[in-house]
Protein backbone atom coordinates (compact mmCIF):
# COMPACT_ATOMS: atom_id res chain seq x y z
CA UNK A 1 -10.52 12.17 -17.87
CA UNK A 2 -8.33 13.57 -14.37
CA UNK A 3 -10.18 13.02 -11.44
CA UNK A 4 -9.24 14.64 -7.51
CA UNK A 5 -8.91 11.56 -5.40
CA UNK A 6 -8.72 12.22 -1.75
CA UNK A 7 -5.17 11.47 -0.22
CA UNK A 8 -5.07 7.86 1.08
CA UNK A 9 -7.31 6.67 -1.84
CA UNK A 10 -5.00 8.25 -4.73
CA UNK A 11 -2.18 6.73 -2.22
CA UNK A 12 -3.98 3.77 -2.90
CA UNK A 13 -4.02 4.10 -6.42
CA UNK A 14 -0.57 5.29 -7.23
CA UNK A 15 1.04 2.08 -5.11
CA UNK A 16 -1.44 0.05 -6.82
CA UNK A 17 -0.02 1.01 -10.05
CA UNK A 18 3.23 0.03 -9.25
CA UNK A 19 2.30 -3.37 -7.66
CA UNK A 20 3.55 -2.54 -4.16
CA UNK A 21 1.96 -4.69 -1.92
CA UNK A 22 3.66 -3.10 1.12
CA UNK A 23 2.73 0.53 0.27
CA UNK A 24 -1.08 -0.56 -0.13
CA UNK A 25 -1.32 -1.99 3.09
CA UNK A 26 -0.02 1.41 4.27
CA UNK A 27 -2.47 3.15 3.21
CA UNK A 28 -5.09 1.37 5.75
CA UNK A 29 -5.84 1.51 9.14
CA UNK A 30 -4.26 -1.20 11.69
CA UNK A 31 -7.61 -3.40 11.62
CA UNK A 32 -9.08 -2.37 8.12
CA UNK A 33 -10.96 -4.64 6.09
CA UNK A 34 -11.03 -5.24 2.24
CA UNK A 35 -13.74 -7.44 0.85
CA UNK A 36 -12.94 -8.63 -3.01
CA UNK A 37 -14.49 -11.46 -4.73
CA UNK A 38 -16.13 -12.80 -1.86
CA UNK A 39 -13.25 -12.82 0.21
CA UNK A 40 -12.44 -10.60 3.28
CA UNK A 41 -9.13 -9.68 4.58
CA UNK A 42 -8.80 -7.99 7.86
CA UNK A 43 -5.87 -6.14 9.15
CA UNK A 44 -2.83 -4.27 7.25
CA UNK A 45 -0.87 -8.03 7.16
CA UNK A 46 -3.92 -10.07 5.60
CA UNK A 47 -4.18 -7.04 2.99
CA UNK A 48 -0.61 -7.23 2.12
CA UNK A 49 -0.93 -10.56 1.39
CA UNK A 50 -4.39 -9.99 -0.76
CA UNK A 51 -2.38 -7.39 -2.80
CA UNK A 52 0.78 -9.65 -3.13
CA UNK A 53 -1.15 -12.64 -4.45
CA UNK A 54 -3.29 -10.49 -6.63
CA UNK A 55 -0.18 -8.99 -8.47
CA UNK A 56 1.74 -12.28 -9.06
CA UNK A 57 -1.32 -13.85 -10.28
CA UNK A 58 -2.40 -11.50 -12.85
CA UNK A 59 -0.66 -8.23 -14.47
CA UNK A 60 -3.15 -5.52 -14.27
CA UNK A 61 -4.08 -1.93 -15.24
CA UNK A 62 -6.37 0.05 -13.28
CA UNK A 63 -7.82 3.61 -14.39
CA UNK A 64 -10.38 5.74 -11.95
CA UNK A 65 -12.45 7.67 -14.05
CA UNK A 66 -15.53 8.57 -11.39
CA UNK A 67 -15.73 9.73 -7.92
CA UNK A 68 -19.01 9.87 -6.07
CA UNK A 69 -20.32 9.74 -2.32
CA UNK A 70 -22.85 6.94 -0.80
CA UNK A 71 -23.65 7.82 2.33
CA UNK A 72 -20.00 7.81 4.11
CA UNK A 73 -18.72 5.89 1.88
CA UNK A 74 -16.52 7.64 -1.08
CA UNK A 75 -16.97 5.42 -4.47
CA UNK A 76 -14.19 5.62 -7.08
CA UNK A 77 -15.07 3.45 -10.48
CA UNK A 78 -12.63 2.28 -12.23
CA UNK A 79 -11.74 0.70 -15.59
CA UNK A 80 -9.53 -2.60 -15.16
CA UNK A 81 -7.53 -4.14 -18.22
CA UNK A 82 -5.25 -7.44 -17.76
CA UNK A 83 -5.06 -10.94 -18.09
CA UNK A 84 -7.81 -12.23 -15.59
CA UNK A 85 -11.26 -13.50 -16.51
CA UNK A 86 -14.02 -10.95 -17.53
CA UNK A 87 -10.99 -8.62 -19.06
CA UNK A 88 -11.88 -5.73 -19.53
CA UNK A 89 -14.01 -4.15 -16.59
CA UNK A 90 -15.32 -1.48 -14.86
CA UNK A 91 -15.40 -2.24 -10.88
CA UNK A 92 -16.82 0.23 -8.29
CA UNK A 93 -14.57 0.54 -4.84
CA UNK A 94 -16.14 1.76 -2.00
CA UNK A 95 -13.84 3.23 0.55
CA UNK A 96 -14.48 4.08 4.03
CA UNK A 97 -12.03 6.81 5.39
CA UNK A 98 -10.67 7.33 8.73
CA UNK A 99 -8.65 10.37 9.21
CA UNK A 100 -5.54 9.93 6.42
CA UNK A 101 -6.40 6.07 6.17
CA UNK A 102 -8.67 3.66 4.73
CA UNK A 103 -10.68 1.73 7.54
CA UNK A 104 -12.87 -0.40 4.95
CA UNK A 105 -12.87 -1.15 0.85
CA UNK A 106 -15.22 -3.24 -0.47
CA UNK A 107 -14.78 -3.72 -4.61
CA UNK A 108 -17.48 -4.97 -6.65
CA UNK A 109 -18.26 -5.05 -10.17
């Protein structure tokens, strides 16, 4: 199933598919915030480091399959498969967009 993702979100998942931490960080605003696995990462540098660490620690594929809205947040549900504990898993990505960039991202099971 193919879904139409907003530009910045589509760019995020495309960069994630390539394991490109630098490209992922450029999808975010300068002072953006990511919350993942109980950790908070603030700013592009922290986000780049978070993603660089995740891509060296695990091999995975992510396939977005549902799109919705929850207040101001765009919710993308994705199927994640890889060599990490609990694989496979469906995760929800809660995005807050600011213009053509991501201002906030929270990833939850």
